[in-house]
Amino acid sequence: MHGRVEGARDRCAVPGCDQPGEFKAPLQAANFDGPGTWRFLCLEHVRMHNAKYNYFDGMSAEEIAEAQTPYAGWERATRAFAHAGSDPAPSWSDFADPLDAISGRFRRSQPQATSRFTKGEQRALSVLGLGEDADLKSVRSRYSRLVRRFHPDRNGGDRSHEARLGEVIEAYQLLRKSVAFA
C-alpha cells in the first residue's frame, strides 16, 4: 500500500491504539518545510489525519486562485529561442540519416572549445569526477577520498571495487604529471 513504511516496529502513536504504526504522518500540520518530525500511525488513524489536512488553510481567496491556475510558476522570464538571425538548416537531401542532418547544423555552428588538458587527461578527470576547472589540490583531495572509499582494507576485504580503484590510481598518476598543473 502506498505510504506504508516497511519494517516499522512501533505501535500507532494515538493513545489507546494497539495497531502497528506503519504510516508516517507529520507531527505538526504546518511542518512540511524540511525533514520535519514524524510520528507513526496505523491505517485508520493516518486516514483520519489526512482527512483533516487542507493545503489552502490560511490562504486568502487571491492566493488560492493563484495557486490553482494551470500556469502557476510560469510567470518568470525565460531566455528567447534563436530565430531569424540563425543560420539555415542543411538540406535534408544531403544526408541519408535525419539525425545526421540535425547534428550537422549544430556541428558547423559550434566552435571547438579548447582545453588545457589532453583527451587522456580529460578522461582521467571524469574518472575522478572533476571538471575542466580542477586544480592539483582538488585532484589530490578527490584521489585521496576515492582511494579511501574503494580500497579493500576500508571495505572489510570486499574486492569488488578493485577495478574502479585501479582506474582512480591510473587517473591520478596521469594527472599529477600534467603540464596543465605546471
Protein backbone atom coordinates (compact mmCIF):
# COMPACT_ATOMS: atom_id res chain seq x y z
CA MET A 1 0.00 0.00 0.00
CA HIS A 2 1.28 3.45 -0.89
CA GLY A 3 2.95 5.25 2.02
CA ARG A 4 3.47 2.18 4.18
CA VAL A 5 6.85 2.07 5.88
CA GLU A 6 8.20 -1.47 5.57
CA GLY A 7 9.62 -2.92 8.75
CA ALA A 8 8.03 -0.35 11.08
CA ARG A 9 8.20 -1.81 14.59
CA ASP A 10 6.44 0.89 16.62
CA ARG A 11 2.82 0.93 17.65
CA CYS A 12 0.40 3.61 16.49
CA ALA A 13 1.15 6.93 18.23
CA VAL A 14 -2.51 7.55 19.08
CA PRO A 15 -3.06 6.78 22.79
CA GLY A 16 -5.05 3.59 23.32
CA CYS A 17 -4.44 2.18 19.82
CA ASP A 18 -2.60 -1.13 19.71
CA GLN A 19 -2.33 -1.42 15.91
CA PRO A 20 1.14 -1.30 14.27
CA GLY A 21 2.22 2.21 13.25
CA GLU A 22 3.11 1.64 9.60
CA PHE A 23 2.45 5.11 8.11
CA LYS A 24 4.45 8.32 8.65
CA ALA A 25 2.49 11.46 9.47
CA PRO A 26 3.95 14.88 10.27
CA LEU A 27 3.75 15.77 13.93
CA GLN A 28 2.54 19.30 13.13
CA ALA A 29 0.24 20.13 10.23
CA ALA A 30 2.36 23.09 9.05
CA ASN A 31 5.66 21.22 9.30
CA PHE A 32 6.32 20.47 5.62
CA ASP A 33 9.45 22.55 5.08
CA GLY A 34 12.45 20.27 5.52
CA PRO A 35 12.69 16.83 7.06
CA GLY A 36 10.32 17.67 9.91
CA THR A 37 9.30 15.49 12.81
CA TRP A 38 7.16 12.44 12.25
CA ARG A 39 5.01 10.02 14.14
CA PHE A 40 3.83 6.62 13.06
CA LEU A 41 0.12 5.88 12.75
CA CYS A 42 -1.99 2.87 11.86
CA LEU A 43 -4.04 2.88 8.64
CA GLU A 44 -7.24 4.06 10.32
CA HIS A 45 -5.57 6.94 12.15
CA VAL A 46 -3.47 8.06 9.17
CA ARG A 47 -6.69 8.27 7.14
CA MET A 48 -8.23 10.47 9.84
CA HIS A 49 -5.04 12.59 9.90
CA ASN A 50 -5.10 13.03 6.10
CA ALA A 51 -8.80 13.92 6.09
CA LYS A 52 -8.01 16.93 8.32
CA TYR A 53 -5.26 18.24 6.03
CA ASN A 54 -6.10 21.33 3.96
CA TYR A 55 -3.40 22.70 1.66
CA PHE A 56 -5.20 26.02 1.31
CA ASP A 57 -5.68 26.60 5.04
CA GLY A 58 -4.64 30.14 5.94
CA MET A 59 -4.56 31.42 2.33
CA SER A 60 -6.61 34.32 1.03
CA ALA A 61 -9.00 33.88 -1.90
CA GLU A 62 -6.47 35.53 -4.23
CA GLU A 63 -3.66 33.22 -3.08
CA ILE A 64 -5.87 30.17 -3.60
CA ALA A 65 -6.85 31.33 -7.10
CA GLU A 66 -3.19 31.97 -7.93
CA ALA A 67 -2.12 28.52 -6.66
CA GLN A 68 -4.84 26.84 -8.73
CA THR A 69 -4.01 28.46 -12.07
CA PRO A 70 -2.73 25.99 -14.64
CA TYR A 71 0.30 28.17 -15.37
CA ALA A 72 1.37 28.81 -11.76
CA GLY A 73 5.15 29.25 -11.68
CA TRP A 74 5.44 30.04 -15.41
CA GLU A 75 5.37 33.81 -14.95
CA ARG A 76 9.16 34.01 -14.60
CA ALA A 77 11.10 35.42 -17.53
CA THR A 78 12.92 32.93 -19.76
CA ARG A 79 15.54 33.13 -22.45
CA ALA A 80 14.32 33.69 -26.00
CA PHE A 81 14.89 30.93 -28.55
CA ALA A 82 17.11 31.62 -31.55
CA HIS A 83 15.15 32.80 -34.56
CA ALA A 84 15.54 34.96 -37.67
CA GLY A 85 19.28 35.56 -37.24
CA SER A 86 20.36 31.92 -37.11
CA ASP A 87 21.90 30.02 -39.99
CA PRO A 88 19.58 27.90 -42.14
CA ALA A 89 19.28 24.17 -41.56
CA PRO A 90 21.19 21.94 -44.00
CA SER A 91 19.31 20.37 -46.86
CA TRP A 92 17.75 17.04 -45.88
CA SER A 93 18.71 15.58 -49.24
CA ASP A 94 22.40 15.89 -48.33
CA PHE A 95 22.04 13.30 -45.57
CA ALA A 96 20.98 9.64 -45.54
CA ASP A 97 20.05 9.72 -41.84
CA PRO A 98 17.78 12.51 -40.48
CA LEU A 99 19.72 12.54 -37.21
CA ASP A 100 22.91 13.30 -39.13
CA ALA A 101 21.15 16.28 -40.74
CA ILE A 102 20.11 17.64 -37.35
CA SER A 103 23.55 17.21 -35.83
CA GLY A 104 25.17 18.61 -39.00
CA ARG A 105 23.61 22.00 -38.40
CA PHE A 106 24.95 22.29 -34.90
CA ARG A 107 28.32 20.77 -35.69
CA ARG A 108 29.07 23.68 -38.05
CA SER A 109 27.86 26.45 -35.77
CA GLN A 110 29.59 25.44 -32.54
CA PRO A 111 33.26 26.36 -32.26
CA GLN A 112 35.53 23.73 -30.76
CA ALA A 113 36.31 24.58 -27.17
CA THR A 114 39.99 24.46 -26.42
CA SER A 115 41.05 22.69 -23.28
CA ARG A 116 44.22 22.91 -21.29
CA PHE A 117 44.01 19.10 -20.86
CA THR A 118 44.70 16.38 -23.40
CA LYS A 119 41.96 13.85 -24.25
CA GLY A 120 43.54 11.31 -21.87
CA GLU A 121 43.69 13.87 -19.08
CA GLN A 122 40.05 14.80 -19.69
CA ARG A 123 39.11 11.11 -19.34
CA ALA A 124 41.16 10.95 -16.13
CA LEU A 125 39.34 13.99 -14.76
CA SER A 126 35.99 12.33 -15.48
CA VAL A 127 37.15 9.16 -13.67
CA LEU A 128 37.81 11.33 -10.63
CA GLY A 129 34.53 13.18 -11.14
CA LEU A 130 36.18 16.56 -11.74
CA GLY A 131 35.72 19.19 -14.42
CA GLU A 132 37.96 21.42 -16.51
CA ASP A 133 38.25 23.92 -13.66
CA ALA A 134 40.10 21.44 -11.40
CA ASP A 135 43.41 22.34 -9.84
CA LEU A 136 46.07 20.00 -8.48
CA LYS A 137 44.84 20.41 -4.90
CA SER A 138 41.29 19.31 -5.82
CA VAL A 139 42.72 16.37 -7.83
CA ARG A 140 44.74 15.22 -4.79
CA SER A 141 41.77 15.64 -2.48
CA ARG A 142 39.38 13.69 -4.73
CA TYR A 143 42.00 10.98 -5.31
CA SER A 144 42.51 10.55 -1.58
CA ARG A 145 38.76 10.36 -0.92
CA LEU A 146 38.18 7.81 -3.71
CA VAL A 147 41.11 5.60 -2.66
CA ARG A 148 39.72 5.50 0.87
CA ARG A 149 36.28 4.60 -0.49
CA PHE A 150 37.35 1.82 -2.88
CA HIS A 151 40.34 0.24 -1.08
CA PRO A 152 39.58 -3.33 0.16
CA ASP A 153 41.14 -2.59 3.57
CA ARG A 154 38.46 0.05 4.12
CA ASN A 155 35.62 -2.17 2.78
CA GLY A 156 36.05 -5.15 5.07
CA GLY A 157 38.08 -7.04 2.46
CA ASP A 158 35.48 -6.57 -0.30
CA ARG A 159 37.46 -6.73 -3.55
CA SER A 160 34.53 -5.89 -5.85
CA HIS A 161 35.76 -2.31 -6.25
CA GLU A 162 39.33 -3.18 -7.26
CA ALA A 163 38.79 -2.31 -10.93
CA ARG A 164 37.43 1.11 -10.01
CA LEU A 165 40.34 1.62 -7.58
CA GLY A 166 42.78 0.82 -10.39
CA GLU A 167 41.11 3.40 -12.65
CA VAL A 168 41.34 6.04 -9.92
CA ILE A 169 45.04 5.36 -9.29
CA GLU A 170 45.83 5.37 -13.01
CA ALA A 171 43.92 8.65 -13.49
CA TYR A 172 45.79 10.31 -10.62
CA GLN A 173 49.18 9.11 -11.91
CA LEU A 174 48.41 10.71 -15.27
CA LEU A 175 47.04 13.96 -13.86
CA ARG A 176 49.77 14.60 -11.28
CA LYS A 177 52.31 14.85 -14.13
CA SER A 178 50.04 17.01 -16.29
CA VAL A 179 51.54 20.09 -17.93
CA ALA A 180 48.26 21.90 -17.19
CA PHE A 181 49.18 21.97 -13.50
CA ALA A 182 52.75 23.14 -14.04
